[in-house]
C-alpha atoms as a PDB file:
ATOM      1  CA  UNK A   1     -74.333-159.082  49.636  1.00  0.00           C
ATOM      2  CA  UNK A   2     -72.417-160.842  46.965  1.00  0.00           C
ATOM      3  CA  UNK A   3     -72.489-164.814  47.743  1.00  0.00           C
ATOM      4  CA  UNK A   4     -69.822-166.999  47.404  1.00  0.00           C
ATOM      5  CA  UNK A   5     -71.085-168.482  44.168  1.00  0.00           C
ATOM      6  CA  UNK A   6     -71.704-164.809  42.681  1.00  0.00           C
ATOM      7  CA  UNK A   7     -67.879-163.759  43.351  1.00  0.00           C
ATOM      8  CA  UNK A   8     -66.972-167.036  41.941  1.00  0.00           C
ATOM      9  CA  UNK A   9     -68.769-166.617  38.826  1.00  0.00           C
ATOM     10  CA  UNK A  10     -67.417-163.079  38.667  1.00  0.00           C
ATOM     11  CA  UNK A  11     -63.892-164.002  38.946  1.00  0.00           C
ATOM     12  CA  UNK A  12     -64.031-166.786  36.228  1.00  0.00           C
ATOM     13  CA  UNK A  13     -65.494-164.900  33.754  1.00  0.00           C
ATOM     14  CA  UNK A  14     -63.041-161.997  34.459  1.00  0.00           C
ATOM     15  CA  UNK A  15     -60.174-164.390  33.913  1.00  0.00           C
ATOM     16  CA  UNK A  16     -61.678-165.611  30.998  1.00  0.00           C
ATOM     17  CA  UNK A  17     -61.993-162.183  29.646  1.00  0.00           C
ATOM     18  CA  UNK A  18     -58.407-161.357  30.923  1.00  0.00           C
ATOM     19  CA  UNK A  19     -56.795-163.866  28.731  1.00  0.00           C
ATOM     20  CA  UNK A  20     -58.582-163.370  25.590  1.00  0.00           C
ATOM     21  CA  UNK A  21     -57.712-159.478  25.835  1.00  0.00           C
ATOM     22  CA  UNK A  22     -54.298-160.342  26.763  1.00  0.00           C
ATOM     23  CA  UNK A  23     -54.330-163.269  23.507  1.00  0.00           C
ATOM     24  CA  UNK A  24     -55.476-160.240  21.460  1.00  0.00           C
ATOM     25  CA  UNK A  25     -53.079-157.789  22.413  1.00  0.00           C
ATOM     26  CA  UNK A  26     -49.993-160.596  22.649  1.00  0.00           C
ATOM     27  CA  UNK A  27     -50.341-162.477  19.225  1.00  0.00           C
ATOM     28  CA  UNK A  28     -49.601-159.661  17.114  1.00  0.00           C
ATOM     29  CA  UNK A  29     -46.544-158.554  18.943  1.00  0.00           C
ATOM     30  CA  UNK A  30     -45.194-162.433  19.129  1.00  0.00           C
ATOM     31  CA  UNK A  31     -45.766-162.060  15.286  1.00  0.00           C
ATOM     32  CA  UNK A  32     -44.303-158.510  14.764  1.00  0.00           C
ATOM     33  CA  UNK A  33     -41.165-159.755  17.110  1.00  0.00           C
ATOM     34  CA  UNK A  34     -40.750-163.049  15.250  1.00  0.00           C
ATOM     35  CA  UNK A  35     -40.659-160.932  12.195  1.00  0.00           C
ATOM     36  CA  UNK A  36     -38.373-158.453  13.385  1.00  0.00           C
ATOM     37  CA  UNK A  37     -34.954-160.039  12.539  1.00  0.00           C
ATOM     38  CA  UNK A  38     -35.900-160.541   8.839  1.00  0.00           C
ATOM     39  CA  UNK A  39     -37.397-156.892   8.660  1.00  0.00           C
ATOM     40  CA  UNK A  40     -33.458-156.223  10.096  1.00  0.00           C
ATOM     41  CA  UNK A  41     -31.984-157.867   7.700  1.00  0.00           C
ATOM     42  CA  UNK A  42     -33.119-156.799   4.672  1.00  0.00           C
ATOM     43  CA  UNK A  43     -32.903-152.899   6.128  1.00  0.00           C
ATOM     44  CA  UNK A  44     -29.086-154.141   6.555  1.00  0.00           C
ATOM     45  CA  UNK A  45     -28.960-155.337   2.383  1.00  0.00           C
ATOM     46  CA  UNK A  46     -31.047-151.957   1.604  1.00  0.00           C
ATOM     47  CA  UNK A  47     -28.313-150.029   3.517  1.00  0.00           C
ATOM     48  CA  UNK A  48     -25.169-151.819   2.647  1.00  0.00           C
ATOM     49  CA  UNK A  49     -26.296-151.420  -0.985  1.00  0.00           C
ATOM     50  CA  UNK A  50     -26.740-147.651  -0.416  1.00  0.00           C
ATOM     51  CA  UNK A  51     -23.227-147.665   1.686  1.00  0.00           C
ATOM     52  CA  UNK A  52     -21.598-148.998  -1.605  1.00  0.00           C
ATOM     53  CA  UNK A  53     -23.102-146.359  -3.876  1.00  0.00           C
ATOM     54  CA  UNK A  54     -22.323-143.686  -1.616  1.00  0.00           C
ATOM     55  CA  UNK A  55     -18.919-141.577  -3.429  1.00  0.00           C
ATOM     56  CA  UNK A  56     -16.582-141.646  -1.967  1.00  0.00           C
ATOM     57  CA  UNK A  57     -16.496-144.761  -0.146  1.00  0.00           C
ATOM     58  CA  UNK A  58     -15.950-144.459   3.677  1.00  0.00           C
ATOM     59  CA  UNK A  59     -16.363-147.295   6.438  1.00  0.00           C
ATOM     60  CA  UNK A  60     -18.714-144.535   8.401  1.00  0.00           C
ATOM     61  CA  UNK A  61     -21.362-145.250   5.955  1.00  0.00           C
ATOM     62  CA  UNK A  62     -21.271-149.092   6.651  1.00  0.00           C
ATOM     63  CA  UNK A  63     -22.395-148.456  10.304  1.00  0.00           C
ATOM     64  CA  UNK A  64     -25.971-148.542   9.888  1.00  0.00           C
ATOM     65  CA  UNK A  65     -25.998-151.449   8.077  1.00  0.00           C
ATOM     66  CA  UNK A  66     -23.313-153.624  10.247  1.00  0.00           C
ATOM     67  CA  UNK A  67     -25.749-152.180  13.488  1.00  0.00           C
ATOM     68  CA  UNK A  68     -28.509-153.615  11.479  1.00  0.00           C
ATOM     69  CA  UNK A  69     -27.164-157.110  10.909  1.00  0.00           C
ATOM     70  CA  UNK A  70     -25.507-157.145  14.797  1.00  0.00           C
ATOM     71  CA  UNK A  71     -29.381-156.373  16.159  1.00  0.00           C
ATOM     72  CA  UNK A  72     -30.996-158.920  13.591  1.00  0.00           C
ATOM     73  CA  UNK A  73     -28.535-161.179  14.919  1.00  0.00           C
ATOM     74  CA  UNK A  74     -29.256-160.431  18.434  1.00  0.00           C
ATOM     75  CA  UNK A  75     -32.959-160.594  18.320  1.00  0.00           C
ATOM     76  CA  UNK A  76     -32.769-163.913  15.836  1.00  0.00           C
ATOM     77  CA  UNK A  77     -30.533-165.251  18.585  1.00  0.00           C
ATOM     78  CA  UNK A  78     -33.130-164.088  21.341  1.00  0.00           C
ATOM     79  CA  UNK A  79     -36.234-164.969  19.921  1.00  0.00           C
END
């Protein structure tokens, strides 16, 4: 039969392990989400330059760059 002391030690170890696993998974995710607005801005600049060099210049070519800049602004505001 499991005693109260054994059960409390098992629960304490489980809480520590869960915290460590979530920290290992969550930290790279938070770093990636922190860098995501900057990466979207870089992608927006690249797409903007690509749209400027397309011949003939059409406004439809600028839509991916505009979407990247809007997503970057929204994610920068949220995060």
